[in-house]
């Protein structure tokens, strides 16, 4: 079974492909003595991909965005806004996860 949510304590630099750069960095920071990182978790890239597959319009929008020149900020902004709306409008499967409050 695939884990779609990992605690920071379960993450280190070897999990970069699983949780992305920010997630891997938070996992690493949570292991450094003297650095206080609140309890937290990362949703895996696999969970993201699985959710995005439910949104066919997402691929169409990315295809529209791909040929746009980086300096065409208006077009980039327009298509990026549509991508964001498509993602925000996508239903996410319920995942049971235990959250532990962090005590400073």
Protein backbone atom coordinates (compact mmCIF):
# COMPACT_ATOMS: atom_id res chain seq x y z
CA UNK A 1 0.00 0.00 0.00
CA UNK A 2 1.23 3.47 -0.88
CA UNK A 3 1.57 6.08 1.85
CA UNK A 4 0.07 9.35 0.61
CA UNK A 5 0.91 11.33 3.74
CA UNK A 6 4.24 11.26 5.59
CA UNK A 7 5.18 12.92 8.89
CA UNK A 8 8.20 15.22 8.75
CA UNK A 9 10.01 12.71 10.98
CA UNK A 10 9.58 10.05 8.26
CA UNK A 11 11.18 12.28 5.63
CA UNK A 12 14.82 12.88 4.80
CA UNK A 13 16.77 13.88 1.69
CA UNK A 14 16.33 10.39 0.23
CA UNK A 15 12.58 11.08 -0.07
CA UNK A 16 13.01 14.06 -2.43
CA UNK A 17 11.19 12.31 -5.30
CA UNK A 18 8.38 11.28 -2.97
CA UNK A 19 7.61 14.61 -1.27
CA UNK A 20 9.43 17.25 -3.33
CA UNK A 21 12.10 19.71 -2.30
CA UNK A 22 10.22 21.66 0.35
CA UNK A 23 9.01 18.47 2.02
CA UNK A 24 12.48 16.91 2.00
CA UNK A 25 13.98 20.09 3.46
CA UNK A 26 11.38 20.25 6.24
CA UNK A 27 12.07 16.61 7.04
CA UNK A 28 15.80 17.27 7.22
CA UNK A 29 15.31 20.40 9.35
CA UNK A 30 13.12 18.50 11.79
CA UNK A 31 16.12 16.24 12.52
CA UNK A 32 18.56 19.06 13.30
CA UNK A 33 19.12 19.59 17.01
CA UNK A 34 18.29 23.14 18.05
CA UNK A 35 15.95 23.86 15.14
CA UNK A 36 12.31 23.78 16.09
CA UNK A 37 10.05 22.61 13.29
CA UNK A 38 6.35 22.25 14.18
CA UNK A 39 4.83 18.79 13.83
CA UNK A 40 3.66 18.45 10.28
CA UNK A 41 3.26 16.26 7.27
CA UNK A 42 3.63 16.22 3.50
CA UNK A 43 1.23 14.93 0.90
CA UNK A 44 3.26 12.79 -1.49
CA UNK A 45 3.77 13.50 -5.17
CA UNK A 46 1.97 10.21 -5.87
CA UNK A 47 -1.14 11.51 -4.10
CA UNK A 48 -0.91 14.73 -6.11
CA UNK A 49 -0.55 12.82 -9.41
CA UNK A 50 -3.46 10.54 -8.53
CA UNK A 51 -5.67 13.53 -7.75
CA UNK A 52 -4.66 15.44 -10.89
CA UNK A 53 -5.53 12.41 -13.07
CA UNK A 54 -9.15 13.07 -12.08
CA UNK A 55 -8.96 16.47 -13.80
CA UNK A 56 -8.62 16.00 -17.60
CA UNK A 57 -8.66 19.77 -18.14
CA UNK A 58 -5.37 20.01 -16.22
CA UNK A 59 -3.36 18.38 -19.05
CA UNK A 60 -5.06 20.58 -21.65
CA UNK A 61 -4.12 23.70 -19.68
CA UNK A 62 -0.52 22.57 -19.26
CA UNK A 63 -0.31 21.99 -23.02
CA UNK A 64 -1.56 25.56 -23.55
CA UNK A 65 0.99 26.90 -21.07
CA UNK A 66 3.97 24.99 -22.46
CA UNK A 67 4.55 27.06 -25.66
CA UNK A 68 3.94 30.43 -23.98
CA UNK A 69 7.07 32.58 -23.69
CA UNK A 70 8.18 33.28 -20.14
CA UNK A 71 8.08 37.05 -20.69
CA UNK A 72 4.42 36.94 -21.83
CA UNK A 73 3.30 37.54 -18.26
CA UNK A 74 -0.31 38.25 -19.17
CA UNK A 75 -0.77 34.90 -20.94
CA UNK A 76 1.18 33.00 -18.27
CA UNK A 77 -0.96 34.60 -15.58
CA UNK A 78 -4.19 33.84 -17.45
CA UNK A 79 -3.43 30.14 -17.98
CA UNK A 80 -1.85 29.73 -14.54
CA UNK A 81 -5.04 31.09 -12.99
CA UNK A 82 -7.05 28.47 -14.87
CA UNK A 83 -4.65 25.72 -13.71
CA UNK A 84 -5.03 26.89 -10.11
CA UNK A 85 -8.83 26.94 -10.42
CA UNK A 86 -8.81 23.43 -11.90
CA UNK A 87 -6.70 22.13 -9.02
CA UNK A 88 -8.77 23.91 -6.38
CA UNK A 89 -11.95 22.51 -7.93
CA UNK A 90 -10.72 18.91 -7.82
CA UNK A 91 -12.16 16.66 -5.13
CA UNK A 92 -9.52 15.03 -2.96
CA UNK A 93 -10.01 11.50 -1.68
CA UNK A 94 -10.43 11.31 2.07
CA UNK A 95 -7.27 10.14 3.78
CA UNK A 96 -7.36 9.11 7.40
CA UNK A 97 -4.45 10.69 9.18
CA UNK A 98 -3.62 11.20 12.81
CA UNK A 99 -2.57 14.75 13.63
CA UNK A 100 -0.62 15.30 16.81
CA UNK A 101 -0.65 18.84 18.20
CA UNK A 102 2.78 20.38 18.51
CA UNK A 103 3.68 21.74 21.90
CA UNK A 104 6.26 24.52 21.90
